[in-house]
Amino acid sequence: MIDLEQLRNDWDALAKSDALWAILTDSNKAGGGWNVAEFLETGEIEMATVMGCLGEMGCLPDSDGAALDFGCGVGRLTQAMARRFAACVGVDISEEMIRKADALNQYAHCNYMTSVTERLPFADESFVFAYSNIVLQHMPRRLAMGYLREFVRVLEPGGVLVFGVQDSFVAADMASRVARARDVLRLRTRFKAAMGRQGDMRMHLLAETEVREAVRPAKLVDVRLTNTAAKDFNGRLVYLNEAPRSGYVGKQYCVVKPD
């Protein structure tokens, strides 16, 4: 069973190897190919997309409050959130990611911390906004659902939670079924580990029925299909009108905590 210590070790290794590529795995950017400014700009673009969506729904969180970025990595999204909230905290399981985030931090009211516990290190009702994307998909179902409950716990009444997960996998043909089987069994990971090389990231699914159960008693106000598992995602969040015909089906959820 995968635990938090193993996840921390995996992400520390990825951060030391190539932190930016580990977060946004563009095949053209491997080996230190990401420009830092370009990388951080993807966070601004993504957060503008999310806030625009929340504005259209009438769910914009209070900018005078504090925001939480869960699975912050080097602060790609946290820095964009800091431009929109009076206080902002980025949390990650990897100490190496947090060291890099601190080095890139441009805002005194933005802070970073490492957490390797299943309970978030914050009091109840600490944040007006919580965000997490391309993070929970790398955790086993049990851990992901536990963190969803934690997000709701640390939200203020009236606070807004937005997060993305991979809901399911569509196997349209034999090739895609084989790809999914390889991913589930992590054959490439085991092979690379045996060869002394960095393993692949693991992908986990979380169905909408499970999400709805985990976020109770908060109100689920919106569910949207996203492109977050697409090979060309690169931090450029797009809402889809229909699910892909093959591959992973990404969903973004918006949850509001009752007053």
Protein backbone atom coordinates (compact mmCIF):
# COMPACT_ATOMS: atom_id res chain seq x y z
CA MET A 1 0.00 0.00 0.00
CA ILE A 2 1.30 3.44 -0.93
CA ASP A 3 1.67 5.72 2.10
CA LEU A 4 2.57 9.36 2.58
CA GLU A 5 6.22 8.63 3.29
CA GLN A 6 6.54 6.83 -0.03
CA LEU A 7 4.79 9.67 -1.82
CA ARG A 8 7.12 12.16 -0.18
CA ASN A 9 10.18 10.17 -1.25
CA ASP A 10 8.87 9.87 -4.81
CA TRP A 11 8.17 13.60 -5.14
CA ASP A 12 11.41 14.63 -3.46
CA ALA A 13 13.24 12.54 -6.06
CA LEU A 14 11.22 14.09 -8.89
CA ALA A 15 11.83 17.59 -7.52
CA LYS A 16 15.57 17.03 -7.33
CA SER A 17 15.66 15.58 -10.83
CA ASP A 18 13.53 18.15 -12.69
CA ALA A 19 10.91 19.88 -10.53
CA LEU A 20 9.18 21.95 -13.21
CA TRP A 21 8.86 19.06 -15.64
CA ALA A 22 7.57 16.78 -12.85
CA ILE A 23 4.68 19.23 -12.39
CA LEU A 24 3.94 19.92 -16.07
CA THR A 25 5.21 16.94 -18.03
CA ASP A 26 5.58 18.42 -21.50
CA SER A 27 7.78 16.02 -23.46
CA ASN A 28 9.50 19.02 -25.06
CA LYS A 29 10.43 20.49 -21.67
CA ALA A 30 12.17 17.51 -20.06
CA GLY A 31 15.72 17.90 -18.82
CA GLY A 32 15.34 21.43 -17.50
CA GLY A 33 13.57 22.76 -20.59
CA TRP A 34 11.00 24.89 -18.77
CA ASN A 35 11.69 28.61 -18.57
CA VAL A 36 10.74 29.69 -15.02
CA ALA A 37 8.80 32.78 -16.09
CA GLU A 38 6.90 30.82 -18.74
CA PHE A 39 6.17 28.08 -16.22
CA LEU A 40 4.79 30.50 -13.63
CA GLU A 41 2.71 32.27 -16.27
CA THR A 42 0.79 29.03 -16.80
CA GLY A 43 -0.34 29.34 -13.17
CA GLU A 44 -1.64 32.86 -13.78
CA ILE A 45 -3.52 31.69 -16.88
CA GLU A 46 -5.05 28.74 -15.03
CA MET A 47 -6.12 30.79 -12.03
CA ALA A 48 -7.66 33.44 -14.31
CA THR A 49 -9.67 30.68 -16.00
CA VAL A 50 -10.88 29.30 -12.67
CA MET A 51 -11.78 32.71 -11.24
CA GLY A 52 -13.60 33.62 -14.44
CA CYS A 53 -15.65 30.45 -14.12
CA LEU A 54 -16.43 31.16 -10.45
CA GLY A 55 -17.44 34.71 -11.32
CA GLU A 56 -19.90 33.46 -13.93
CA MET A 57 -21.45 31.18 -11.30
CA GLY A 58 -21.60 33.90 -8.66
CA CYS A 59 -19.21 31.95 -6.41
CA LEU A 60 -16.19 34.23 -6.22
CA PRO A 61 -14.49 33.84 -2.81
CA ASP A 62 -13.75 36.85 -0.58
CA SER A 63 -10.40 38.34 -1.66
CA ASP A 64 -9.85 39.69 1.88
CA GLY A 65 -9.52 36.14 3.21
CA ALA A 66 -6.85 33.45 3.07
CA ALA A 67 -6.41 30.90 0.28
CA LEU A 68 -4.92 27.39 0.32
CA ASP A 69 -3.04 25.76 -2.56
CA PHE A 70 -2.81 22.02 -1.84
CA GLY A 71 -0.02 20.17 -3.62
CA CYS A 72 1.59 23.49 -4.48
CA GLY A 73 4.87 22.16 -5.88
CA VAL A 74 7.15 25.13 -6.56
CA GLY A 75 4.26 27.62 -6.33
CA ARG A 76 3.05 27.71 -9.94
CA LEU A 77 -0.52 28.40 -8.80
CA THR A 78 0.23 29.77 -5.34
CA GLN A 79 1.90 32.87 -6.72
CA ALA A 80 -1.14 33.57 -8.91
CA MET A 81 -3.44 33.04 -5.91
CA ALA A 82 -1.31 35.44 -3.84
CA ARG A 83 -2.16 38.18 -6.33
CA ARG A 84 -5.84 37.62 -5.59
CA PHE A 85 -6.06 37.05 -1.81
CA ALA A 86 -4.94 38.86 1.33
CA ALA A 87 -3.05 35.76 2.48
CA CYS A 88 -2.04 32.55 0.75
CA VAL A 89 -0.51 29.26 1.89
CA GLY A 90 0.99 26.58 -0.33
CA VAL A 91 1.30 23.07 1.07
CA ASP A 92 3.23 20.18 -0.42
CA ILE A 93 4.43 16.77 0.66
CA SER A 94 7.91 17.35 -0.77
CA GLU A 95 10.49 19.36 1.19
CA GLU A 96 12.48 19.81 -2.00
CA MET A 97 9.48 21.35 -3.79
CA ILE A 98 8.90 23.71 -0.87
CA ARG A 99 12.54 24.84 -0.89
CA LYS A 100 12.19 25.73 -4.54
CA ALA A 101 8.84 27.45 -3.89
CA ASP A 102 10.40 29.60 -1.16
CA ALA A 103 13.18 30.61 -3.55
CA LEU A 104 10.63 31.72 -6.18
CA ASN A 105 8.23 33.44 -3.78
CA GLN A 106 7.56 37.11 -4.62
CA TYR A 107 5.01 37.96 -1.91
CA ALA A 108 5.37 38.58 1.83
CA HIS A 109 1.79 37.46 2.45
CA CYS A 110 2.41 34.11 0.71
CA ASN A 111 3.91 31.27 2.74
CA TYR A 112 4.86 27.67 2.06
CA MET A 113 5.01 24.62 4.27
CA THR A 114 5.59 20.87 4.09
CA SER A 115 2.96 18.48 5.40
CA VAL A 116 3.30 14.70 5.52
CA THR A 117 0.18 13.96 7.57
CA GLU A 118 -3.33 12.98 6.57
CA ARG A 119 -4.76 15.84 8.65
CA LEU A 120 -3.99 19.29 7.30
CA PRO A 121 -2.04 21.45 9.79
CA PHE A 122 -4.72 24.16 9.97
CA ALA A 123 -7.58 24.97 12.31
CA ASP A 124 -11.18 24.54 11.26
CA GLU A 125 -12.56 27.32 9.04
CA SER A 126 -9.17 28.86 8.16
CA PHE A 127 -9.63 29.59 4.44
CA VAL A 128 -12.10 31.31 2.15
CA PHE A 129 -10.74 29.44 -0.86
CA ALA A 130 -8.97 26.12 -1.40
CA TYR A 131 -7.64 24.88 -4.73
CA SER A 132 -5.97 21.70 -5.91
CA ASN A 133 -5.35 20.52 -9.46
CA ILE A 134 -3.31 17.66 -10.99
CA VAL A 135 -2.50 16.54 -7.43
CA LEU A 136 -5.12 14.17 -6.03
CA GLN A 137 -4.80 11.99 -9.12
CA HIS A 138 -1.37 10.92 -7.90
CA MET A 139 -2.72 9.66 -4.56
CA PRO A 140 -4.50 6.39 -3.74
CA ARG A 141 -8.28 6.73 -3.37
CA ARG A 142 -8.23 6.50 0.42
CA LEU A 143 -5.81 9.41 0.80
CA ALA A 144 -7.53 11.55 -1.83
CA MET A 145 -10.93 11.16 -0.19
CA GLY A 146 -9.45 11.96 3.21
CA TYR A 147 -7.97 15.19 1.89
CA LEU A 148 -11.29 16.18 0.32
CA ARG A 149 -12.84 15.92 3.79
CA GLU A 150 -9.98 17.99 5.15
CA PHE A 151 -10.52 20.70 2.55
CA VAL A 152 -14.12 21.03 3.65
CA ARG A 153 -13.07 21.12 7.31
CA VAL A 154 -10.63 24.01 6.86
CA LEU A 155 -13.02 26.10 4.71
CA GLU A 156 -14.79 29.02 6.31
CA PRO A 157 -18.61 29.03 6.12
CA GLY A 158 -19.39 30.33 2.65
CA GLY A 159 -15.90 29.35 1.49
CA VAL A 160 -15.23 27.87 -1.95
CA LEU A 161 -13.32 24.70 -2.81
CA VAL A 162 -12.24 23.90 -6.36
CA PHE A 163 -10.32 20.75 -7.24
CA GLY A 164 -9.63 18.45 -10.15
CA VAL A 165 -9.44 14.65 -10.30
CA GLN A 166 -9.35 11.95 -12.95
CA ASP A 167 -12.79 10.40 -12.85
CA SER A 168 -12.45 7.37 -15.12
CA PHE A 169 -10.61 5.86 -18.05
CA VAL A 170 -12.19 5.27 -21.46
CA ALA A 171 -10.68 2.33 -23.32
CA ALA A 172 -11.83 2.82 -26.88
CA ASP A 173 -9.61 0.14 -28.40
CA MET A 174 -7.10 -2.56 -27.52
CA ALA A 175 -4.17 -0.13 -27.50
CA SER A 176 -5.81 2.11 -24.90
CA ARG A 177 -6.80 -0.89 -22.79
CA VAL A 178 -3.20 -2.09 -22.82
CA ALA A 179 -1.98 1.41 -21.89
CA ARG A 180 -4.36 1.53 -18.93
CA ALA A 181 -3.34 -1.96 -17.79
CA ARG A 182 0.31 -0.95 -17.96
CA ASP A 183 -0.47 2.17 -15.92
CA VAL A 184 -2.38 0.22 -13.28
CA LEU A 185 0.31 -2.41 -12.93
CA ARG A 186 3.10 0.19 -13.12
CA LEU A 187 5.22 -2.14 -15.24
CA ARG A 188 7.35 0.70 -16.54
CA THR A 189 7.84 1.99 -13.00
CA ARG A 190 9.10 -1.37 -11.81
CA PHE A 191 11.33 -1.75 -14.85
CA LYS A 192 12.87 1.69 -14.42
CA ALA A 193 13.32 1.14 -10.69
CA ALA A 194 15.14 -2.11 -11.41
CA MET A 195 17.36 -0.23 -13.84
CA GLY A 196 18.11 2.46 -11.27
CA ARG A 197 16.14 5.17 -13.05
CA GLN A 198 13.30 7.41 -11.91
CA GLY A 199 9.91 5.68 -12.09
CA ASP A 200 6.74 6.96 -13.69
CA MET A 201 4.15 8.90 -11.72
CA ARG A 202 1.15 6.85 -10.70
CA MET A 203 -2.35 7.80 -11.83
CA HIS A 204 -5.40 7.07 -9.67
CA LEU A 205 -9.10 7.50 -10.37
CA LEU A 206 -11.80 9.02 -8.18
CA ALA A 207 -15.37 8.62 -9.39
CA GLU A 208 -17.99 11.34 -9.01
CA THR A 209 -20.04 9.21 -6.60
CA GLU A 210 -17.02 9.01 -4.28
CA VAL A 211 -16.35 12.73 -4.57
CA ARG A 212 -19.93 13.59 -3.66
CA GLU A 213 -19.68 11.39 -0.58
CA ALA A 214 -16.36 12.88 0.54
CA VAL A 215 -17.39 16.56 0.37
CA ARG A 216 -20.61 16.22 2.38
CA PRO A 217 -22.13 18.21 4.04
CA ALA A 218 -20.76 20.96 1.79
CA LYS A 219 -22.74 21.75 -1.36
CA LEU A 220 -21.45 20.58 -4.73
CA VAL A 221 -22.44 23.41 -7.06
CA ASP A 222 -20.62 22.60 -10.31
CA VAL A 223 -18.90 19.73 -12.16
CA ARG A 224 -17.00 20.30 -15.40
CA LEU A 225 -15.04 18.10 -17.76
CA THR A 226 -11.42 19.23 -18.21
CA ASN A 227 -8.35 18.54 -20.30
CA THR A 228 -6.05 17.97 -17.32
CA ALA A 229 -4.90 14.50 -18.42
CA ALA A 230 -4.23 15.50 -22.02
CA LYS A 231 -0.65 15.27 -23.21
CA ASP A 232 -0.76 18.93 -24.25
CA PHE A 233 -2.30 20.22 -20.98
CA ASN A 234 0.75 22.26 -19.93
CA GLY A 235 -1.19 24.14 -17.27
CA ARG A 236 -3.63 25.58 -19.80
CA LEU A 237 -6.94 24.53 -18.29
CA VAL A 238 -9.79 24.05 -20.76
CA TYR A 239 -13.39 23.07 -19.99
CA LEU A 240 -14.72 20.44 -22.37
CA ASN A 241 -18.22 20.01 -23.74
CA GLU A 242 -17.89 16.24 -23.84
CA ALA A 243 -15.62 13.55 -22.43
CA PRO A 244 -12.68 12.32 -24.53
CA ARG A 245 -13.35 9.20 -26.59
CA SER A 246 -10.33 7.48 -25.11
CA GLY A 247 -7.97 8.01 -22.19
CA TYR A 248 -8.52 9.63 -18.81
CA VAL A 249 -11.62 11.70 -18.10
CA GLY A 250 -10.77 14.73 -15.97
CA LYS A 251 -13.35 16.54 -13.88
CA GLN A 252 -13.24 19.80 -11.93
CA TYR A 253 -15.55 20.24 -8.94
CA CYS A 254 -16.71 23.42 -7.22
CA VAL A 255 -17.93 23.04 -3.64
CA VAL A 256 -19.34 25.70 -1.32
CA LYS A 257 -19.43 25.24 2.45
CA PRO A 258 -22.79 26.15 4.01
CA ASP A 259 -22.96 29.34 6.12
